[in-house]
Amino acid sequence: MQKSLQKNSNYNKYDVDGDGEVNDNELADMEKIEEIERQNRKQYAQRQMAWVAIWSMIVFTAVLFSPIVSDARVNALADLLGLFYIAQAGVVGAFMGVSAWMSRK
């Protein structure tokens, strides 16, 4: 008895050759493709986090040097500001380091 897919089946996307059947090779290929797509989404999210960290440091620095924030407030928050820059630089550095390390493999 031969099995075939329904017209609107969720598995139609796995039928690469369009014969109405999904064989083991097609499933294995689709699993590989989905894994690659998942990794691409993860890398995109990590890249976005790094860019947000870079831009937050730039904007934060511009705000601190503007007349909007008083010198007394900057002095009061000096320890917290240092932690902010270290944390943001850590995010950017980790992204760049892991990206370089992964490209060597």
PDB file of N, CA and C in Angstrom:
ATOM      1  N   MET A   1       0.845  -1.179   0.000  1.00  0.00           N
ATOM      2  CA  MET A   1       0.000   0.000   0.000  1.00  0.00           C
ATOM      3  C   MET A   1       0.891   1.243   0.000  1.00  0.00           C
ATOM      4  N   GLN A   2       0.655   2.131  -0.924  1.00  0.00           N
ATOM      5  CA  GLN A   2       1.461   3.330  -1.070  1.00  0.00           C
ATOM      6  C   GLN A   2       0.782   4.495  -0.358  1.00  0.00           C
ATOM      7  N   LYS A   3       1.583   5.288   0.370  1.00  0.00           N
ATOM      8  CA  LYS A   3       1.033   6.431   1.093  1.00  0.00           C
ATOM      9  C   LYS A   3       1.278   7.701   0.298  1.00  0.00           C
ATOM     10  N   SER A   4       0.346   8.620   0.358  1.00  0.00           N
ATOM     11  CA  SER A   4       0.504   9.901  -0.321  1.00  0.00           C
ATOM     12  C   SER A   4       0.040  11.012   0.611  1.00  0.00           C
ATOM     13  N   LEU A   5       0.347  12.234   0.250  1.00  0.00           N
ATOM     14  CA  LEU A   5       0.020  13.394   1.074  1.00  0.00           C
ATOM     15  C   LEU A   5      -1.354  13.947   0.709  1.00  0.00           C
ATOM     16  N   GLN A   6      -2.004  14.530   1.692  1.00  0.00           N
ATOM     17  CA  GLN A   6      -3.252  15.231   1.439  1.00  0.00           C
ATOM     18  C   GLN A   6      -2.947  16.533   0.711  1.00  0.00           C
ATOM     19  N   LYS A   7      -3.978  17.142   0.131  1.00  0.00           N
ATOM     20  CA  LYS A   7      -3.763  18.360  -0.652  1.00  0.00           C
ATOM     21  C   LYS A   7      -3.151  19.499   0.164  1.00  0.00           C
ATOM     22  N   ASN A   8      -3.646  19.768   1.339  1.00  0.00           N
ATOM     23  CA  ASN A   8      -3.166  20.893   2.152  1.00  0.00           C
ATOM     24  C   ASN A   8      -2.358  20.424   3.353  1.00  0.00           C
ATOM     25  N   SER A   9      -1.612  19.384   3.193  1.00  0.00           N
ATOM     26  CA  SER A   9      -0.841  18.824   4.293  1.00  0.00           C
ATOM     27  C   SER A   9       0.313  19.746   4.669  1.00  0.00           C
ATOM     28  N   ASN A  10       0.651  19.759   5.950  1.00  0.00           N
ATOM     29  CA  ASN A  10       1.804  20.527   6.415  1.00  0.00           C
ATOM     30  C   ASN A  10       3.114  19.956   5.895  1.00  0.00           C
ATOM     31  N   TYR A  11       3.070  18.722   5.444  1.00  0.00           N
ATOM     32  CA  TYR A  11       4.280  18.055   4.978  1.00  0.00           C
ATOM     33  C   TYR A  11       4.521  18.223   3.482  1.00  0.00           C
ATOM     34  N   ASN A  12       3.661  18.959   2.797  1.00  0.00           N
ATOM     35  CA  ASN A  12       3.849  19.192   1.365  1.00  0.00           C
ATOM     36  C   ASN A  12       5.161  19.913   1.068  1.00  0.00           C
ATOM     37  N   LYS A  13       5.590  20.749   1.981  1.00  0.00           N
ATOM     38  CA  LYS A  13       6.846  21.471   1.754  1.00  0.00           C
ATOM     39  C   LYS A  13       8.047  20.529   1.748  1.00  0.00           C
ATOM     40  N   TYR A  14       7.916  19.346   2.329  1.00  0.00           N
ATOM     41  CA  TYR A  14       9.012  18.384   2.346  1.00  0.00           C
ATOM     42  C   TYR A  14       9.080  17.558   1.061  1.00  0.00           C
ATOM     43  N   ASP A  15       8.042  17.616   0.262  1.00  0.00           N
ATOM     44  CA  ASP A  15       8.006  16.857  -0.992  1.00  0.00           C
ATOM     45  C   ASP A  15       8.761  17.646  -2.059  1.00  0.00           C
ATOM     46  N   VAL A  16      10.060  17.463  -2.116  1.00  0.00           N
ATOM     47  CA  VAL A  16      10.929  18.251  -2.988  1.00  0.00           C
ATOM     48  C   VAL A  16      10.703  17.916  -4.462  1.00  0.00           C
ATOM     49  N   ASP A  17      10.573  16.640  -4.777  1.00  0.00           N
ATOM     50  CA  ASP A  17      10.444  16.246  -6.178  1.00  0.00           C
ATOM     51  C   ASP A  17       9.007  16.309  -6.697  1.00  0.00           C
ATOM     52  N   GLY A  18       8.043  16.620  -5.841  1.00  0.00           N
ATOM     53  CA  GLY A  18       6.665  16.832  -6.259  1.00  0.00           C
ATOM     54  C   GLY A  18       5.912  15.585  -6.671  1.00  0.00           C
ATOM     55  N   ASP A  19       6.333  14.427  -6.188  1.00  0.00           N
ATOM     56  CA  ASP A  19       5.654  13.190  -6.571  1.00  0.00           C
ATOM     57  C   ASP A  19       4.510  12.819  -5.631  1.00  0.00           C
ATOM     58  N   GLY A  20       4.254  13.648  -4.625  1.00  0.00           N
ATOM     59  CA  GLY A  20       3.171  13.372  -3.689  1.00  0.00           C
ATOM     60  C   GLY A  20       3.563  12.479  -2.531  1.00  0.00           C
ATOM     61  N   GLU A  21       4.819  12.066  -2.478  1.00  0.00           N
ATOM     62  CA  GLU A  21       5.323  11.232  -1.388  1.00  0.00           C
ATOM     63  C   GLU A  21       6.560  11.883  -0.787  1.00  0.00           C
ATOM     64  N   VAL A  22       6.711  11.718   0.501  1.00  0.00           N
ATOM     65  CA  VAL A  22       7.893  12.222   1.194  1.00  0.00           C
ATOM     66  C   VAL A  22       8.731  11.022   1.604  1.00  0.00           C
ATOM     67  N   ASN A  23       9.911  10.905   1.002  1.00  0.00           N
ATOM     68  CA  ASN A  23      10.763   9.763   1.343  1.00  0.00           C
ATOM     69  C   ASN A  23      11.799  10.168   2.393  1.00  0.00           C
ATOM     70  N   ASP A  24      12.573   9.212   2.838  1.00  0.00           N
ATOM     71  CA  ASP A  24      13.549   9.460   3.901  1.00  0.00           C
ATOM     72  C   ASP A  24      14.609  10.474   3.483  1.00  0.00           C
ATOM     73  N   ASN A  25      15.029  10.450   2.232  1.00  0.00           N
ATOM     74  CA  ASN A  25      16.038  11.406   1.761  1.00  0.00           C
ATOM     75  C   ASN A  25      15.510  12.836   1.805  1.00  0.00           C
ATOM     76  N   GLU A  26      14.252  13.016   1.402  1.00  0.00           N
ATOM     77  CA  GLU A  26      13.662  14.353   1.438  1.00  0.00           C
ATOM     78  C   GLU A  26      13.534  14.855   2.873  1.00  0.00           C
ATOM     79  N   LEU A  27      13.152  13.976   3.786  1.00  0.00           N
ATOM     80  CA  LEU A  27      13.054  14.374   5.194  1.00  0.00           C
ATOM     81  C   LEU A  27      14.420  14.745   5.760  1.00  0.00           C
ATOM     82  N   ALA A  28      15.439  13.960   5.427  1.00  0.00           N
ATOM     83  CA  ALA A  28      16.787  14.249   5.922  1.00  0.00           C
ATOM     84  C   ALA A  28      17.293  15.581   5.368  1.00  0.00           C
ATOM     85  N   ASP A  29      17.032  15.835   4.083  1.00  0.00           N
ATOM     86  CA  ASP A  29      17.442  17.102   3.484  1.00  0.00           C
ATOM     87  C   ASP A  29      16.725  18.276   4.133  1.00  0.00           C
ATOM     88  N   MET A  30      15.440  18.134   4.390  1.00  0.00           N
ATOM     89  CA  MET A  30      14.684  19.216   5.003  1.00  0.00           C
ATOM     90  C   MET A  30      15.117  19.461   6.442  1.00  0.00           C
ATOM     91  N   GLU A  31      15.486  18.410   7.159  1.00  0.00           N
ATOM     92  CA  GLU A  31      15.992  18.588   8.523  1.00  0.00           C
ATOM     93  C   GLU A  31      17.287  19.393   8.504  1.00  0.00           C
ATOM     94  N   LYS A  32      18.158  19.110   7.543  1.00  0.00           N
ATOM     95  CA  LYS A  32      19.410  19.862   7.420  1.00  0.00           C
ATOM     96  C   LYS A  32      19.132  21.321   7.083  1.00  0.00           C
ATOM     97  N   ILE A  33      18.199  21.546   6.169  1.00  0.00           N
ATOM     98  CA  ILE A  33      17.861  22.907   5.772  1.00  0.00           C
ATOM     99  C   ILE A  33      17.264  23.682   6.947  1.00  0.00           C
ATOM    100  N   GLU A  34      16.371  23.053   7.697  1.00  0.00           N
ATOM    101  CA  GLU A  34      15.766  23.717   8.850  1.00  0.00           C
ATOM    102  C   GLU A  34      16.801  24.028   9.923  1.00  0.00           C
ATOM    103  N   GLU A  35      17.788  23.144  10.107  1.00  0.00           N
ATOM    104  CA  GLU A  35      18.855  23.397  11.079  1.00  0.00           C
ATOM    105  C   GLU A  35      19.708  24.585  10.640  1.00  0.00           C
ATOM    106  N   ILE A  36      20.006  24.666   9.369  1.00  0.00           N
ATOM    107  CA  ILE A  36      20.778  25.800   8.851  1.00  0.00           C
ATOM    108  C   ILE A  36      19.992  27.094   9.007  1.00  0.00           C
ATOM    109  N   GLU A  37      18.696  27.053   8.712  1.00  0.00           N
ATOM    110  CA  GLU A  37      17.858  28.244   8.873  1.00  0.00           C
ATOM    111  C   GLU A  37      17.784  28.668  10.338  1.00  0.00           C
ATOM    112  N   ARG A  38      17.696  27.709  11.255  1.00  0.00           N
ATOM    113  CA  ARG A  38      17.669  28.032  12.687  1.00  0.00           C
ATOM    114  C   ARG A  38      18.973  28.691  13.112  1.00  0.00           C
ATOM    115  N   GLN A  39      20.099  28.172  12.635  1.00  0.00           N
ATOM    116  CA  GLN A  39      21.393  28.759  12.958  1.00  0.00           C
ATOM    117  C   GLN A  39      21.521  30.168  12.383  1.00  0.00           C
ATOM    118  N   ASN A  40      20.993  30.383  11.179  1.00  0.00           N
ATOM    119  CA  ASN A  40      21.029  31.717  10.582  1.00  0.00           C
ATOM    120  C   ASN A  40      20.212  32.717  11.400  1.00  0.00           C
ATOM    121  N   ARG A  41      19.027  32.290  11.868  1.00  0.00           N
ATOM    122  CA  ARG A  41      18.216  33.181  12.714  1.00  0.00           C
ATOM    123  C   ARG A  41      18.933  33.512  14.016  1.00  0.00           C
ATOM    124  N   LYS A  42      19.603  32.518  14.585  1.00  0.00           N
ATOM    125  CA  LYS A  42      20.340  32.737  15.829  1.00  0.00           C
ATOM    126  C   LYS A  42      21.483  33.723  15.603  1.00  0.00           C
ATOM    127  N   GLN A  43      22.230  33.536  14.519  1.00  0.00           N
ATOM    128  CA  GLN A  43      23.341  34.436  14.223  1.00  0.00           C
ATOM    129  C   GLN A  43      22.845  35.855  13.948  1.00  0.00           C
ATOM    130  N   TYR A  44      21.710  35.971  13.272  1.00  0.00           N
ATOM    131  CA  TYR A  44      21.130  37.293  13.005  1.00  0.00           C
ATOM    132  C   TYR A  44      20.760  37.987  14.316  1.00  0.00           C
ATOM    133  N   ALA A  45      20.145  37.258  15.232  1.00  0.00           N
ATOM    134  CA  ALA A  45      19.773  37.840  16.528  1.00  0.00           C
ATOM    135  C   ALA A  45      21.004  38.270  17.312  1.00  0.00           C
ATOM    136  N   GLN A  46      22.056  37.463  17.277  1.00  0.00           N
ATOM    137  CA  GLN A  46      23.288  37.820  17.977  1.00  0.00           C
ATOM    138  C   GLN A  46      23.927  39.056  17.353  1.00  0.00           C
ATOM    139  N   ARG A  47      23.910  39.139  16.027  1.00  0.00           N
ATOM    140  CA  ARG A  47      24.463  40.302  15.345  1.00  0.00           C
ATOM    141  C   ARG A  47      23.678  41.555  15.718  1.00  0.00           C
ATOM    142  N   GLN A  48      22.354  41.432  15.790  1.00  0.00           N
ATOM    143  CA  GLN A  48      21.523  42.570  16.178  1.00  0.00           C
ATOM    144  C   GLN A  48      21.838  43.026  17.601  1.00  0.00           C
ATOM    145  N   MET A  49      22.052  42.070  18.514  1.00  0.00           N
ATOM    146  CA  MET A  49      22.405  42.435  19.895  1.00  0.00           C
ATOM    147  C   MET A  49      23.718  43.200  19.936  1.00  0.00           C
ATOM    148  N   ALA A  50      24.697  42.768  19.143  1.00  0.00           N
ATOM    149  CA  ALA A  50      25.983  43.455  19.114  1.00  0.00           C
ATOM    150  C   ALA A  50      25.830  44.873  18.572  1.00  0.00           C
ATOM    151  N   TRP A  51      25.043  45.036  17.518  1.00  0.00           N
ATOM    152  CA  TRP A  51      24.843  46.375  16.967  1.00  0.00           C
ATOM    153  C   TRP A  51      24.105  47.282  17.955  1.00  0.00           C
ATOM    154  N   VAL A  52      23.128  46.746  18.648  1.00  0.00           N
ATOM    155  CA  VAL A  52      22.414  47.547  19.646  1.00  0.00           C
ATOM    156  C   VAL A  52      23.374  47.965  20.761  1.00  0.00           C
ATOM    157  N   ALA A  53      24.260  47.077  21.166  1.00  0.00           N
ATOM    158  CA  ALA A  53      25.229  47.408  22.205  1.00  0.00           C
ATOM    159  C   ALA A  53      26.174  48.510  21.741  1.00  0.00           C
ATOM    160  N   ILE A  54      26.640  48.421  20.506  1.00  0.00           N
ATOM    161  CA  ILE A  54      27.537  49.460  19.980  1.00  0.00           C
ATOM    162  C   ILE A  54      26.824  50.809  19.927  1.00  0.00           C
ATOM    163  N   TRP A  55      25.629  50.811  19.351  1.00  0.00           N
ATOM    164  CA  TRP A  55      24.905  52.077  19.230  1.00  0.00           C
ATOM    165  C   TRP A  55      24.476  52.633  20.589  1.00  0.00           C
ATOM    166  N   SER A  56      24.180  51.777  21.540  1.00  0.00           N
ATOM    167  CA  SER A  56      23.808  52.284  22.860  1.00  0.00           C
ATOM    168  C   SER A  56      24.998  52.964  23.524  1.00  0.00           C
ATOM    169  N   MET A  57      26.191  52.427  23.324  1.00  0.00           N
ATOM    170  CA  MET A  57      27.377  53.096  23.884  1.00  0.00           C
ATOM    171  C   MET A  57      27.616  54.450  23.221  1.00  0.00           C
ATOM    172  N   ILE A  58      27.430  54.521  21.914  1.00  0.00           N
ATOM    173  CA  ILE A  58      27.636  55.781  21.197  1.00  0.00           C
ATOM    174  C   ILE A  58      26.613  56.824  21.633  1.00  0.00           C
ATOM    175  N   VAL A  59      25.346  56.432  21.658  1.00  0.00           N
ATOM    176  CA  VAL A  59      24.287  57.373  22.044  1.00  0.00           C
ATOM    177  C   VAL A  59      24.443  57.786  23.505  1.00  0.00           C
ATOM    178  N   PHE A  60      24.752  56.828  24.353  1.00  0.00           N
ATOM    179  CA  PHE A  60      24.926  57.112  25.776  1.00  0.00           C
ATOM    180  C   PHE A  60      26.062  58.108  25.998  1.00  0.00           C
ATOM    181  N   THR A  61      27.160  57.921  25.277  1.00  0.00           N
ATOM    182  CA  THR A  61      28.294  58.841  25.391  1.00  0.00           C
ATOM    183  C   THR A  61      27.908  60.231  24.906  1.00  0.00           C
ATOM    184  N   ALA A  62      27.189  60.305  23.801  1.00  0.00           N
ATOM    185  CA  ALA A  62      26.758  61.613  23.287  1.00  0.00           C
ATOM    186  C   ALA A  62      25.849  62.323  24.288  1.00  0.00           C
ATOM    187  N   VAL A  63      24.956  61.585  24.920  1.00  0.00           N
ATOM    188  CA  VAL A  63      24.057  62.188  25.911  1.00  0.00           C
ATOM    189  C   VAL A  63      24.843  62.676  27.126  1.00  0.00           C
ATOM    190  N   LEU A  64      25.842  61.891  27.555  1.00  0.00           N
ATOM    191  CA  LEU A  64      26.625  62.295  28.723  1.00  0.00           C
ATOM    192  C   LEU A  64      27.427  63.566  28.476  1.00  0.00           C
ATOM    193  N   PHE A  65      27.878  63.758  27.240  1.00  0.00           N
ATOM    194  CA  PHE A  65      28.661  64.961  26.932  1.00  0.00           C
ATOM    195  C   PHE A  65      27.799  66.142  26.515  1.00  0.00           C
ATOM    196  N   SER A  66      26.512  65.958  26.451  1.00  0.00           N
ATOM    197  CA  SER A  66      25.614  67.059  26.110  1.00  0.00           C
ATOM    198  C   SER A  66      25.232  67.811  27.387  1.00  0.00           C
ATOM    199  N   PRO A  67      24.701  69.008  27.223  1.00  0.00           N
ATOM    200  CA  PRO A  67      24.293  69.773  28.413  1.00  0.00           C
ATOM    201  C   PRO A  67      23.022  69.235  29.082  1.00  0.00           C
ATOM    202  N   ILE A  68      22.448  68.189  28.548  1.00  0.00           N
ATOM    203  CA  ILE A  68      21.227  67.612  29.119  1.00  0.00           C
ATOM    204  C   ILE A  68      21.495  67.051  30.514  1.00  0.00           C
ATOM    205  N   VAL A  69      22.667  66.419  30.685  1.00  0.00           N
ATOM    206  CA  VAL A  69      23.016  65.772  31.949  1.00  0.00           C
ATOM    207  C   VAL A  69      24.037  66.639  32.678  1.00  0.00           C
ATOM    208  N   SER A  70      23.751  66.928  33.940  1.00  0.00           N
ATOM    209  CA  SER A  70      24.655  67.780  34.720  1.00  0.00           C
ATOM    210  C   SER A  70      25.887  66.993  35.160  1.00  0.00           C
ATOM    211  N   ASP A  71      26.959  67.745  35.460  1.00  0.00           N
ATOM    212  CA  ASP A  71      28.202  67.120  35.921  1.00  0.00           C
ATOM    213  C   ASP A  71      28.001  66.387  37.249  1.00  0.00           C
ATOM    214  N   ALA A  72      27.177  66.937  38.112  1.00  0.00           N
ATOM    215  CA  ALA A  72      26.940  66.306  39.414  1.00  0.00           C
ATOM    216  C   ALA A  72      26.266  64.934  39.231  1.00  0.00           C
ATOM    217  N   ARG A  73      25.344  64.848  38.311  1.00  0.00           N
ATOM    218  CA  ARG A  73      24.668  63.571  38.069  1.00  0.00           C
ATOM    219  C   ARG A  73      25.633  62.552  37.460  1.00  0.00           C
ATOM    220  N   VAL A  74      26.499  62.996  36.554  1.00  0.00           N
ATOM    221  CA  VAL A  74      27.480  62.091  35.960  1.00  0.00           C
ATOM    222  C   VAL A  74      28.429  61.574  37.038  1.00  0.00           C
ATOM    223  N   ASN A  75      28.874  62.459  37.929  1.00  0.00           N
ATOM    224  CA  ASN A  75      29.762  62.035  39.023  1.00  0.00           C
ATOM    225  C   ASN A  75      29.061  61.070  39.977  1.00  0.00           C
ATOM    226  N   ALA A  76      27.782  61.296  40.226  1.00  0.00           N
ATOM    227  CA  ALA A  76      27.032  60.414  41.124  1.00  0.00           C
ATOM    228  C   ALA A  76      26.842  59.024  40.507  1.00  0.00           C
ATOM    229  N   LEU A  77      26.737  58.959  39.214  1.00  0.00           N
ATOM    230  CA  LEU A  77      26.485  57.693  38.534  1.00  0.00           C
ATOM    231  C   LEU A  77      27.742  57.089  37.903  1.00  0.00           C
ATOM    232  N   ALA A  78      28.907  57.575  38.266  1.00  0.00           N
ATOM    233  CA  ALA A  78      30.155  57.167  37.619  1.00  0.00           C
ATOM    234  C   ALA A  78      30.383  55.648  37.694  1.00  0.00           C
ATOM    235  N   ASP A  79      30.151  55.052  38.853  1.00  0.00           N
ATOM    236  CA  ASP A  79      30.364  53.602  38.970  1.00  0.00           C
ATOM    237  C   ASP A  79      29.390  52.819  38.093  1.00  0.00           C
ATOM    238  N   LEU A  80      28.148  53.232  38.073  1.00  0.00           N
ATOM    239  CA  LEU A  80      27.147  52.567  37.243  1.00  0.00           C
ATOM    240  C   LEU A  80      27.459  52.732  35.755  1.00  0.00           C
ATOM    241  N   LEU A  81      27.936  53.907  35.373  1.00  0.00           N
ATOM    242  CA  LEU A  81      28.281  54.145  33.972  1.00  0.00           C
ATOM    243  C   LEU A  81      29.432  53.250  33.533  1.00  0.00           C
ATOM    244  N   GLY A  82      30.406  53.069  34.411  1.00  0.00           N
ATOM    245  CA  GLY A  82      31.523  52.180  34.099  1.00  0.00           C
ATOM    246  C   GLY A  82      31.059  50.750  33.865  1.00  0.00           C
ATOM    247  N   LEU A  83      30.136  50.280  34.691  1.00  0.00           N
ATOM    248  CA  LEU A  83      29.593  48.936  34.515  1.00  0.00           C
ATOM    249  C   LEU A  83      28.811  48.803  33.208  1.00  0.00           C
ATOM    250  N   PHE A  84      28.104  49.866  32.859  1.00  0.00           N
ATOM    251  CA  PHE A  84      27.356  49.857  31.601  1.00  0.00           C
ATOM    252  C   PHE A  84      28.292  49.677  30.413  1.00  0.00           C
ATOM    253  N   TYR A  85      29.362  50.457  30.374  1.00  0.00           N
ATOM    254  CA  TYR A  85      30.303  50.355  29.258  1.00  0.00           C
ATOM    255  C   TYR A  85      31.002  48.994  29.229  1.00  0.00           C
ATOM    256  N   ILE A  86      31.356  48.477  30.387  1.00  0.00           N
ATOM    257  CA  ILE A  86      32.001  47.157  30.433  1.00  0.00           C
ATOM    258  C   ILE A  86      31.044  46.080  29.932  1.00  0.00           C
ATOM    259  N   ALA A  87      29.795  46.147  30.340  1.00  0.00           N
ATOM    260  CA  ALA A  87      28.812  45.147  29.908  1.00  0.00           C
ATOM    261  C   ALA A  87      28.570  45.213  28.404  1.00  0.00           C
ATOM    262  N   GLN A  88      28.402  46.415  27.880  1.00  0.00           N
ATOM    263  CA  GLN A  88      28.155  46.562  26.446  1.00  0.00           C
ATOM    264  C   GLN A  88      29.377  46.142  25.624  1.00  0.00           C
ATOM    265  N   ALA A  89      30.554  46.500  26.091  1.00  0.00           N
ATOM    266  CA  ALA A  89      31.774  46.084  25.389  1.00  0.00           C
ATOM    267  C   ALA A  89      31.940  44.569  25.476  1.00  0.00           C
ATOM    268  N   GLY A  90      31.507  43.968  26.573  1.00  0.00           N
ATOM    269  CA  GLY A  90      31.555  42.516  26.699  1.00  0.00           C
ATOM    270  C   GLY A  90      30.659  41.823  25.678  1.00  0.00           C
ATOM    271  N   VAL A  91      29.477  42.373  25.453  1.00  0.00           N
ATOM    272  CA  VAL A  91      28.562  41.810  24.456  1.00  0.00           C
ATOM    273  C   VAL A  91      29.193  41.889  23.068  1.00  0.00           C
ATOM    274  N   VAL A  92      29.736  43.043  22.730  1.00  0.00           N
ATOM    275  CA  VAL A  92      30.351  43.225  21.416  1.00  0.00           C
ATOM    276  C   VAL A  92      31.590  42.338  21.276  1.00  0.00           C
ATOM    277  N   GLY A  93      32.435  42.314  22.301  1.00  0.00           N
ATOM    278  CA  GLY A  93      33.646  41.497  22.255  1.00  0.00           C
ATOM    279  C   GLY A  93      33.344  40.009  22.164  1.00  0.00           C
ATOM    280  N   ALA A  94      32.350  39.558  22.903  1.00  0.00           N
ATOM    281  CA  ALA A  94      31.970  38.141  22.846  1.00  0.00           C
ATOM    282  C   ALA A  94      31.453  37.782  21.460  1.00  0.00           C
ATOM    283  N   PHE A  95      30.639  38.648  20.876  1.00  0.00           N
ATOM    284  CA  PHE A  95      30.129  38.374  19.539  1.00  0.00           C
ATOM    285  C   PHE A  95      31.263  38.295  18.534  1.00  0.00           C
ATOM    286  N   MET A  96      32.168  39.261  18.577  1.00  0.00           N
ATOM    287  CA  MET A  96      33.276  39.270  17.616  1.00  0.00           C
ATOM    288  C   MET A  96      34.208  38.080  17.833  1.00  0.00           C
ATOM    289  N   GLY A  97      34.488  37.756  19.088  1.00  0.00           N
ATOM    290  CA  GLY A  97      35.374  36.631  19.379  1.00  0.00           C
ATOM    291  C   GLY A  97      34.780  35.301  18.948  1.00  0.00           C
ATOM    292  N   VAL A  98      33.518  35.092  19.256  1.00  0.00           N
ATOM    293  CA  VAL A  98      32.879  33.825  18.878  1.00  0.00           C
ATOM    294  C   VAL A  98      32.732  33.751  17.359  1.00  0.00           C
ATOM    295  N   SER A  99      32.446  34.868  16.705  1.00  0.00           N
ATOM    296  CA  SER A  99      32.336  34.866  15.245  1.00  0.00           C
ATOM    297  C   SER A  99      33.668  34.498  14.600  1.00  0.00           C
ATOM    298  N   ALA A 100      34.756  35.064  15.114  1.00  0.00           N
ATOM    299  CA  ALA A 100      36.076  34.730  14.581  1.00  0.00           C
ATOM    300  C   ALA A 100      36.438  33.273  14.851  1.00  0.00           C
ATOM    301  N   TRP A 101      36.108  32.807  16.048  1.00  0.00           N
ATOM    302  CA  TRP A 101      36.411  31.427  16.397  1.00  0.00           C
ATOM    303  C   TRP A 101      35.613  30.441  15.545  1.00  0.00           C
ATOM    304  N   MET A 102      34.339  30.741  15.313  1.00  0.00           N
ATOM    305  CA  MET A 102      33.499  29.864  14.509  1.00  0.00           C
ATOM    306  C   MET A 102      33.911  29.860  13.034  1.00  0.00           C
ATOM    307  N   SER A 103      34.458  30.961  12.544  1.00  0.00           N
ATOM    308  CA  SER A 103      34.853  31.009  11.140  1.00  0.00           C
ATOM    309  C   SER A 103      36.117  30.168  10.891  1.00  0.00           C
ATOM    310  N   ARG A 104      36.854  29.868  11.932  1.00  0.00           N
ATOM    311  CA  ARG A 104      38.058  29.038  11.783  1.00  0.00           C
ATOM    312  C   ARG A 104      37.727  27.577  11.621  1.00  0.00           C
ATOM    313  N   LYS A 105      36.534  27.155  12.072  1.00  0.00           N
ATOM    314  CA  LYS A 105      36.158  25.735  12.016  1.00  0.00           C
ATOM    315  C   LYS A 105      35.811  25.306  10.623  1.00  0.00           C
TER     316      LYS A 105
END
